[in-house]
Structures are given as structure tokens and as C-alpha cells.
Amino acid sequence: MIAGTDLPLRNHAERALSDYFANLNGHRPARLYDLVLREVEEPLFRTVLDYAAGNQSQAAIILGINRGTLRKKLREFGLSD
């Protein structure tokens, strides 16, 4: 695989970040790492849980985290029952 050619998620992230910087209108970026995590983490968990048809154990495996961490994150995002 040639770097960057077969990585659609990475390409979308790079494009989104480039757009973010292009639209700062003279403002200085700050706390970008926290911003990216806030913007990406919730949809990541929501989408993976949907893909796993609500099965938290399967979603945790897909995410590469333990089920307890998944449940904690779901509560944080208001995605738990």
C-alpha cells in the first residue's frame, strides 16, 4: 500500500483539518488535540455501536477497548440506556 492513497479516513481527517486551518480568519488555533477528540470520539462510538447492532461487547472489540471503558464513554456521551 502506498502511503495516503488507500486511507480514506485519514484523507478525510486531513481535509477537515486543512479546512479548519483555512477558515481560522486570523485566529490562532489552540487545544487542537482536545477539539479533534471531542469532534470525533462521540460519532465514532455511535457509529461503531450501530455497526455492532447495539452489542457492546462486539463494539468494544471493534474499538480495541474493554467493555467497561466503552460503557463509561457511552455514559459520557449520553448514548447508554
PDB file of N, CA and C in Angstrom:
ATOM      1  N   MET A   1       0.837  -1.180   0.000  1.00  0.00           N
ATOM      2  CA  MET A   1       0.000   0.000   0.000  1.00  0.00           C
ATOM      3  C   MET A   1       0.885   1.248   0.000  1.00  0.00           C
ATOM      4  N   ILE A   2       0.583   2.187  -0.837  1.00  0.00           N
ATOM      5  CA  ILE A   2       1.312   3.442  -0.904  1.00  0.00           C
ATOM      6  C   ILE A   2       0.683   4.397   0.111  1.00  0.00           C
ATOM      7  N   ALA A   3       1.490   5.025   0.921  1.00  0.00           N
ATOM      8  CA  ALA A   3       1.008   5.902   1.997  1.00  0.00           C
ATOM      9  C   ALA A   3       0.048   6.955   1.451  1.00  0.00           C
ATOM     10  N   GLY A   4      -1.108   7.043   2.089  1.00  0.00           N
ATOM     11  CA  GLY A   4      -2.068   8.080   1.761  1.00  0.00           C
ATOM     12  C   GLY A   4      -3.009   7.786   0.622  1.00  0.00           C
ATOM     13  N   THR A   5      -2.745   6.753  -0.182  1.00  0.00           N
ATOM     14  CA  THR A   5      -3.600   6.516  -1.335  1.00  0.00           C
ATOM     15  C   THR A   5      -4.798   5.630  -1.003  1.00  0.00           C
ATOM     16  N   ASP A   6      -4.658   4.767  -0.029  1.00  0.00           N
ATOM     17  CA  ASP A   6      -5.725   3.833   0.294  1.00  0.00           C
ATOM     18  C   ASP A   6      -6.222   4.034   1.721  1.00  0.00           C
ATOM     19  N   LEU A   7      -6.210   5.268   2.196  1.00  0.00           N
ATOM     20  CA  LEU A   7      -6.577   5.571   3.575  1.00  0.00           C
ATOM     21  C   LEU A   7      -7.683   6.622   3.591  1.00  0.00           C
ATOM     22  N   PRO A   8      -8.912   6.243   3.251  1.00  0.00           N
ATOM     23  CA  PRO A   8      -9.964   7.247   3.128  1.00  0.00           C
ATOM     24  C   PRO A   8     -10.251   7.990   4.430  1.00  0.00           C
ATOM     25  N   LEU A   9     -10.201   7.323   5.567  1.00  0.00           N
ATOM     26  CA  LEU A   9     -10.471   8.006   6.830  1.00  0.00           C
ATOM     27  C   LEU A   9      -9.390   9.049   7.108  1.00  0.00           C
ATOM     28  N   ARG A  10      -8.151   8.674   6.879  1.00  0.00           N
ATOM     29  CA  ARG A  10      -7.045   9.615   7.065  1.00  0.00           C
ATOM     30  C   ARG A  10      -7.183  10.793   6.115  1.00  0.00           C
ATOM     31  N   ASN A  11      -7.531  10.511   4.866  1.00  0.00           N
ATOM     32  CA  ASN A  11      -7.688  11.585   3.876  1.00  0.00           C
ATOM     33  C   ASN A  11      -8.798  12.546   4.288  1.00  0.00           C
ATOM     34  N   HIS A  12      -9.899  12.021   4.798  1.00  0.00           N
ATOM     35  CA  HIS A  12     -10.991  12.893   5.269  1.00  0.00           C
ATOM     36  C   HIS A  12     -10.539  13.746   6.444  1.00  0.00           C
ATOM     37  N   ALA A  13      -9.793  13.148   7.363  1.00  0.00           N
ATOM     38  CA  ALA A  13      -9.304  13.886   8.529  1.00  0.00           C
ATOM     39  C   ALA A  13      -8.356  15.002   8.094  1.00  0.00           C
ATOM     40  N   GLU A  14      -7.444  14.689   7.194  1.00  0.00           N
ATOM     41  CA  GLU A  14      -6.510  15.710   6.715  1.00  0.00           C
ATOM     42  C   GLU A  14      -7.245  16.845   6.017  1.00  0.00           C
ATOM     43  N   ARG A  15      -8.240  16.494   5.211  1.00  0.00           N
ATOM     44  CA  ARG A  15      -9.019  17.517   4.509  1.00  0.00           C
ATOM     45  C   ARG A  15      -9.779  18.397   5.503  1.00  0.00           C
ATOM     46  N   ALA A  16     -10.394  17.767   6.513  1.00  0.00           N
ATOM     47  CA  ALA A  16     -11.144  18.527   7.521  1.00  0.00           C
ATOM     48  C   ALA A  16     -10.216  19.463   8.292  1.00  0.00           C
ATOM     49  N   LEU A  17      -9.039  18.984   8.640  1.00  0.00           N
ATOM     50  CA  LEU A  17      -8.098  19.834   9.372  1.00  0.00           C
ATOM     51  C   LEU A  17      -7.576  20.967   8.498  1.00  0.00           C
ATOM     52  N   SER A  18      -7.316  20.677   7.236  1.00  0.00           N
ATOM     53  CA  SER A  18      -6.893  21.742   6.320  1.00  0.00           C
ATOM     54  C   SER A  18      -7.974  22.801   6.194  1.00  0.00           C
ATOM     55  N   ASP A  19      -9.226  22.374   6.084  1.00  0.00           N
ATOM     56  CA  ASP A  19     -10.352  23.319   6.023  1.00  0.00           C
ATOM     57  C   ASP A  19     -10.443  24.134   7.300  1.00  0.00           C
ATOM     58  N   TYR A  20     -10.244  23.478   8.437  1.00  0.00           N
ATOM     59  CA  TYR A  20     -10.285  24.171   9.725  1.00  0.00           C
ATOM     60  C   TYR A  20      -9.248  25.298   9.748  1.00  0.00           C
ATOM     61  N   PHE A  21      -8.003  24.971   9.359  1.00  0.00           N
ATOM     62  CA  PHE A  21      -6.955  25.988   9.361  1.00  0.00           C
ATOM     63  C   PHE A  21      -7.243  27.095   8.349  1.00  0.00           C
ATOM     64  N   ALA A  22      -7.805  26.733   7.207  1.00  0.00           N
ATOM     65  CA  ALA A  22      -8.102  27.722   6.170  1.00  0.00           C
ATOM     66  C   ALA A  22      -9.191  28.695   6.608  1.00  0.00           C
ATOM     67  N   ASN A  23     -10.028  28.284   7.547  1.00  0.00           N
ATOM     68  CA  ASN A  23     -11.157  29.116   7.967  1.00  0.00           C
ATOM     69  C   ASN A  23     -10.963  29.770   9.333  1.00  0.00           C
ATOM     70  N   LEU A  24      -9.746  29.883   9.793  1.00  0.00           N
ATOM     71  CA  LEU A  24      -9.497  30.496  11.100  1.00  0.00           C
ATOM     72  C   LEU A  24      -9.655  32.017  11.077  1.00  0.00           C
ATOM     73  N   ASN A  25      -9.624  32.610   9.900  1.00  0.00           N
ATOM     74  CA  ASN A  25      -9.798  34.059   9.755  1.00  0.00           C
ATOM     75  C   ASN A  25      -8.889  34.852  10.686  1.00  0.00           C
ATOM     76  N   GLY A  26      -7.624  34.482  10.737  1.00  0.00           N
ATOM     77  CA  GLY A  26      -6.656  35.216  11.544  1.00  0.00           C
ATOM     78  C   GLY A  26      -6.581  34.785  12.997  1.00  0.00           C
ATOM     79  N   HIS A  27      -7.507  33.955  13.449  1.00  0.00           N
ATOM     80  CA  HIS A  27      -7.470  33.472  14.830  1.00  0.00           C
ATOM     81  C   HIS A  27      -6.392  32.403  14.958  1.00  0.00           C
ATOM     82  N   ARG A  28      -5.814  32.321  16.141  1.00  0.00           N
ATOM     83  CA  ARG A  28      -4.785  31.307  16.387  1.00  0.00           C
ATOM     84  C   ARG A  28      -5.445  30.042  16.909  1.00  0.00           C
ATOM     85  N   PRO A  29      -5.071  28.899  16.354  1.00  0.00           N
ATOM     86  CA  PRO A  29      -5.635  27.640  16.871  1.00  0.00           C
ATOM     87  C   PRO A  29      -5.092  27.347  18.263  1.00  0.00           C
ATOM     88  N   ALA A  30      -5.910  26.708  19.074  1.00  0.00           N
ATOM     89  CA  ALA A  30      -5.487  26.325  20.422  1.00  0.00           C
ATOM     90  C   ALA A  30      -6.203  25.045  20.820  1.00  0.00           C
ATOM     91  N   ARG A  31      -5.528  24.220  21.574  1.00  0.00           N
ATOM     92  CA  ARG A  31      -6.102  22.989  22.120  1.00  0.00           C
ATOM     93  C   ARG A  31      -6.707  22.115  21.011  1.00  0.00           C
ATOM     94  N   LEU A  32      -6.000  22.036  19.907  1.00  0.00           N
ATOM     95  CA  LEU A  32      -6.500  21.311  18.741  1.00  0.00           C
ATOM     96  C   LEU A  32      -6.704  19.831  19.036  1.00  0.00           C
ATOM     97  N   TYR A  33      -5.805  19.248  19.814  1.00  0.00           N
ATOM     98  CA  TYR A  33      -5.939  17.834  20.151  1.00  0.00           C
ATOM     99  C   TYR A  33      -7.268  17.575  20.851  1.00  0.00           C
ATOM    100  N   ASP A  34      -7.595  18.390  21.849  1.00  0.00           N
ATOM    101  CA  ASP A  34      -8.870  18.243  22.561  1.00  0.00           C
ATOM    102  C   ASP A  34     -10.057  18.465  21.630  1.00  0.00           C
ATOM    103  N   LEU A  35      -9.944  19.442  20.750  1.00  0.00           N
ATOM    104  CA  LEU A  35     -11.019  19.730  19.803  1.00  0.00           C
ATOM    105  C   LEU A  35     -11.285  18.532  18.902  1.00  0.00           C
ATOM    106  N   VAL A  36     -10.229  17.956  18.364  1.00  0.00           N
ATOM    107  CA  VAL A  36     -10.388  16.812  17.464  1.00  0.00           C
ATOM    108  C   VAL A  36     -11.014  15.637  18.205  1.00  0.00           C
ATOM    109  N   LEU A  37     -10.538  15.348  19.410  1.00  0.00           N
ATOM    110  CA  LEU A  37     -11.124  14.248  20.181  1.00  0.00           C
ATOM    111  C   LEU A  37     -12.602  14.483  20.451  1.00  0.00           C
ATOM    112  N   ARG A  38     -12.968  15.697  20.845  1.00  0.00           N
ATOM    113  CA  ARG A  38     -14.389  15.999  21.104  1.00  0.00           C
ATOM    114  C   ARG A  38     -15.237  15.820  19.856  1.00  0.00           C
ATOM    115  N   GLU A  39     -14.700  16.219  18.722  1.00  0.00           N
ATOM    116  CA  GLU A  39     -15.453  16.156  17.474  1.00  0.00           C
ATOM    117  C   GLU A  39     -15.566  14.743  16.918  1.00  0.00           C
ATOM    118  N   VAL A  40     -14.582  13.896  17.166  1.00  0.00           N
ATOM    119  CA  VAL A  40     -14.510  12.587  16.527  1.00  0.00           C
ATOM    120  C   VAL A  40     -15.000  11.457  17.434  1.00  0.00           C
ATOM    121  N   GLU A  41     -14.740  11.566  18.720  1.00  0.00           N
ATOM    122  CA  GLU A  41     -14.984  10.438  19.618  1.00  0.00           C
ATOM    123  C   GLU A  41     -16.460  10.032  19.697  1.00  0.00           C
ATOM    124  N   GLU A  42     -17.353  10.978  19.885  1.00  0.00           N
ATOM    125  CA  GLU A  42     -18.775  10.617  20.002  1.00  0.00           C
ATOM    126  C   GLU A  42     -19.323   9.955  18.741  1.00  0.00           C
ATOM    127  N   PRO A  43     -19.111  10.530  17.553  1.00  0.00           N
ATOM    128  CA  PRO A  43     -19.609   9.835  16.354  1.00  0.00           C
ATOM    129  C   PRO A  43     -18.939   8.487  16.140  1.00  0.00           C
ATOM    130  N   LEU A  44     -17.681   8.352  16.555  1.00  0.00           N
ATOM    131  CA  LEU A  44     -17.003   7.065  16.448  1.00  0.00           C
ATOM    132  C   LEU A  44     -17.734   6.013  17.273  1.00  0.00           C
ATOM    133  N   PHE A  45     -18.012   6.333  18.527  1.00  0.00           N
ATOM    134  CA  PHE A  45     -18.689   5.373  19.388  1.00  0.00           C
ATOM    135  C   PHE A  45     -20.106   5.092  18.899  1.00  0.00           C
ATOM    136  N   ARG A  46     -20.813   6.126  18.478  1.00  0.00           N
ATOM    137  CA  ARG A  46     -22.185   5.949  17.993  1.00  0.00           C
ATOM    138  C   ARG A  46     -22.216   5.058  16.751  1.00  0.00           C
ATOM    139  N   THR A  47     -21.324   5.313  15.821  1.00  0.00           N
ATOM    140  CA  THR A  47     -21.300   4.562  14.569  1.00  0.00           C
ATOM    141  C   THR A  47     -20.884   3.116  14.775  1.00  0.00           C
ATOM    142  N   VAL A  48     -19.872   2.895  15.608  1.00  0.00           N
ATOM    143  CA  VAL A  48     -19.434   1.523  15.870  1.00  0.00           C
ATOM    144  C   VAL A  48     -20.518   0.750  16.601  1.00  0.00           C
ATOM    145  N   LEU A  49     -21.181   1.374  17.560  1.00  0.00           N
ATOM    146  CA  LEU A  49     -22.259   0.704  18.283  1.00  0.00           C
ATOM    147  C   LEU A  49     -23.398   0.354  17.327  1.00  0.00           C
ATOM    148  N   ASP A  50     -23.703   1.248  16.410  1.00  0.00           N
ATOM    149  CA  ASP A  50     -24.726   0.972  15.406  1.00  0.00           C
ATOM    150  C   ASP A  50     -24.288  -0.180  14.503  1.00  0.00           C
ATOM    151  N   TYR A  51     -23.033  -0.170  14.080  1.00  0.00           N
ATOM    152  CA  TYR A  51     -22.497  -1.237  13.232  1.00  0.00           C
ATOM    153  C   TYR A  51     -22.579  -2.586  13.943  1.00  0.00           C
ATOM    154  N   ALA A  52     -22.362  -2.572  15.257  1.00  0.00           N
ATOM    155  CA  ALA A  52     -22.406  -3.804  16.053  1.00  0.00           C
ATOM    156  C   ALA A  52     -23.829  -4.125  16.512  1.00  0.00           C
ATOM    157  N   ALA A  53     -24.807  -3.445  15.938  1.00  0.00           N
ATOM    158  CA  ALA A  53     -26.225  -3.657  16.251  1.00  0.00           C
ATOM    159  C   ALA A  53     -26.499  -3.581  17.757  1.00  0.00           C
ATOM    160  N   GLY A  54     -25.819  -2.621  18.416  1.00  0.00           N
ATOM    161  CA  GLY A  54     -26.051  -2.408  19.838  1.00  0.00           C
ATOM    162  C   GLY A  54     -25.300  -3.354  20.755  1.00  0.00           C
ATOM    163  N   ASN A  55     -24.566  -4.293  20.199  1.00  0.00           N
ATOM    164  CA  ASN A  55     -23.821  -5.260  21.009  1.00  0.00           C
ATOM    165  C   ASN A  55     -22.551  -4.592  21.537  1.00  0.00           C
ATOM    166  N   GLN A  56     -22.562  -4.249  22.835  1.00  0.00           N
ATOM    167  CA  GLN A  56     -21.442  -3.523  23.422  1.00  0.00           C
ATOM    168  C   GLN A  56     -20.160  -4.339  23.450  1.00  0.00           C
ATOM    169  N   SER A  57     -20.270  -5.630  23.678  1.00  0.00           N
ATOM    170  CA  SER A  57     -19.067  -6.468  23.689  1.00  0.00           C
ATOM    171  C   SER A  57     -18.401  -6.451  22.318  1.00  0.00           C
ATOM    172  N   GLN A  58     -19.204  -6.583  21.267  1.00  0.00           N
ATOM    173  CA  GLN A  58     -18.667  -6.552  19.905  1.00  0.00           C
ATOM    174  C   GLN A  58     -18.112  -5.167  19.574  1.00  0.00           C
ATOM    175  N   ALA A  59     -18.824  -4.120  19.983  1.00  0.00           N
ATOM    176  CA  ALA A  59     -18.353  -2.756  19.732  1.00  0.00           C
ATOM    177  C   ALA A  59     -17.009  -2.516  20.414  1.00  0.00           C
ATOM    178  N   ALA A  60     -16.854  -3.007  21.640  1.00  0.00           N
ATOM    179  CA  ALA A  60     -15.602  -2.845  22.368  1.00  0.00           C
ATOM    180  C   ALA A  60     -14.459  -3.550  21.636  1.00  0.00           C
ATOM    181  N   ILE A  61     -14.733  -4.733  21.109  1.00  0.00           N
ATOM    182  CA  ILE A  61     -13.711  -5.468  20.351  1.00  0.00           C
ATOM    183  C   ILE A  61     -13.321  -4.685  19.101  1.00  0.00           C
ATOM    184  N   ILE A  62     -14.305  -4.169  18.386  1.00  0.00           N
ATOM    185  CA  ILE A  62     -14.046  -3.392  17.169  1.00  0.00           C
ATOM    186  C   ILE A  62     -13.186  -2.171  17.501  1.00  0.00           C
ATOM    187  N   LEU A  63     -13.495  -1.508  18.617  1.00  0.00           N
ATOM    188  CA  LEU A  63     -12.761  -0.306  19.017  1.00  0.00           C
ATOM    189  C   LEU A  63     -11.399  -0.612  19.635  1.00  0.00           C
ATOM    190  N   GLY A  64     -11.222  -1.858  20.088  1.00  0.00           N
ATOM    191  CA  GLY A  64      -9.961  -2.214  20.718  1.00  0.00           C
ATOM    192  C   GLY A  64      -9.851  -1.718  22.152  1.00  0.00           C
ATOM    193  N   ILE A  65     -11.005  -1.585  22.813  1.00  0.00           N
ATOM    194  CA  ILE A  65     -11.042  -1.162  24.215  1.00  0.00           C
ATOM    195  C   ILE A  65     -11.836  -2.186  25.004  1.00  0.00           C
ATOM    196  N   ASN A  66     -11.746  -2.127  26.335  1.00  0.00           N
ATOM    197  CA  ASN A  66     -12.540  -3.075  27.108  1.00  0.00           C
ATOM    198  C   ASN A  66     -13.966  -2.557  27.260  1.00  0.00           C
ATOM    199  N   ARG A  67     -14.867  -3.454  27.585  1.00  0.00           N
ATOM    200  CA  ARG A  67     -16.287  -3.120  27.646  1.00  0.00           C
ATOM    201  C   ARG A  67     -16.575  -2.063  28.716  1.00  0.00           C
ATOM    202  N   GLY A  68     -15.837  -2.106  29.817  1.00  0.00           N
ATOM    203  CA  GLY A  68     -16.024  -1.107  30.874  1.00  0.00           C
ATOM    204  C   GLY A  68     -15.719   0.297  30.382  1.00  0.00           C
ATOM    205  N   THR A  69     -14.649   0.425  29.628  1.00  0.00           N
ATOM    206  CA  THR A  69     -14.298   1.731  29.056  1.00  0.00           C
ATOM    207  C   THR A  69     -15.367   2.178  28.072  1.00  0.00           C
ATOM    208  N   LEU A  70     -15.851   1.252  27.264  1.00  0.00           N
ATOM    209  CA  LEU A  70     -16.922   1.581  26.326  1.00  0.00           C
ATOM    210  C   LEU A  70     -18.148   2.087  27.066  1.00  0.00           C
ATOM    211  N   ARG A  71     -18.560   1.384  28.106  1.00  0.00           N
ATOM    212  CA  ARG A  71     -19.751   1.781  28.863  1.00  0.00           C
ATOM    213  C   ARG A  71     -19.564   3.162  29.487  1.00  0.00           C
ATOM    214  N   LYS A  72     -18.368   3.436  30.005  1.00  0.00           N
ATOM    215  CA  LYS A  72     -18.076   4.751  30.593  1.00  0.00           C
ATOM    216  C   LYS A  72     -18.217   5.847  29.534  1.00  0.00           C
ATOM    217  N   LYS A  73     -17.645   5.606  28.365  1.00  0.00           N
ATOM    218  CA  LYS A  73     -17.721   6.587  27.282  1.00  0.00           C
ATOM    219  C   LYS A  73     -19.165   6.783  26.814  1.00  0.00           C
ATOM    220  N   LEU A  74     -19.921   5.711  26.725  1.00  0.00           N
ATOM    221  CA  LEU A  74     -21.327   5.818  26.312  1.00  0.00           C
ATOM    222  C   LEU A  74     -22.111   6.672  27.296  1.00  0.00           C
ATOM    223  N   ARG A  75     -21.835   6.519  28.582  1.00  0.00           N
ATOM    224  CA  ARG A  75     -22.493   7.358  29.597  1.00  0.00           C
ATOM    225  C   ARG A  75     -22.089   8.816  29.437  1.00  0.00           C
ATOM    226  N   GLU A  76     -20.793   9.054  29.201  1.00  0.00           N
ATOM    227  CA  GLU A  76     -20.301  10.424  28.999  1.00  0.00           C
ATOM    228  C   GLU A  76     -21.028  11.118  27.859  1.00  0.00           C
ATOM    229  N   PHE A  77     -21.285  10.372  26.787  1.00  0.00           N
ATOM    230  CA  PHE A  77     -21.899  10.952  25.597  1.00  0.00           C
ATOM    231  C   PHE A  77     -23.422  10.858  25.607  1.00  0.00           C
ATOM    232  N   GLY A  78     -23.972  10.295  26.679  1.00  0.00           N
ATOM    233  CA  GLY A  78     -25.427  10.151  26.746  1.00  0.00           C
ATOM    234  C   GLY A  78     -25.952   9.131  25.766  1.00  0.00           C
ATOM    235  N   LEU A  79     -25.141   8.126  25.457  1.00  0.00           N
ATOM    236  CA  LEU A  79     -25.539   7.119  24.486  1.00  0.00           C
ATOM    237  C   LEU A  79     -25.949   5.795  25.136  1.00  0.00           C
ATOM    238  N   SER A  80     -25.917   5.741  26.454  1.00  0.00           N
ATOM    239  CA  SER A  80     -26.282   4.497  27.136  1.00  0.00           C
ATOM    240  C   SER A  80     -27.761   4.502  27.475  1.00  0.00           C
ATOM    241  N   ASP A  81     -28.289   3.304  27.694  1.00  0.00           N
ATOM    242  CA  ASP A  81     -29.717   3.176  28.021  1.00  0.00           C
ATOM    243  C   ASP A  81     -29.984   3.570  29.451  1.00  0.00           C
TER     244      ASP A  81
END
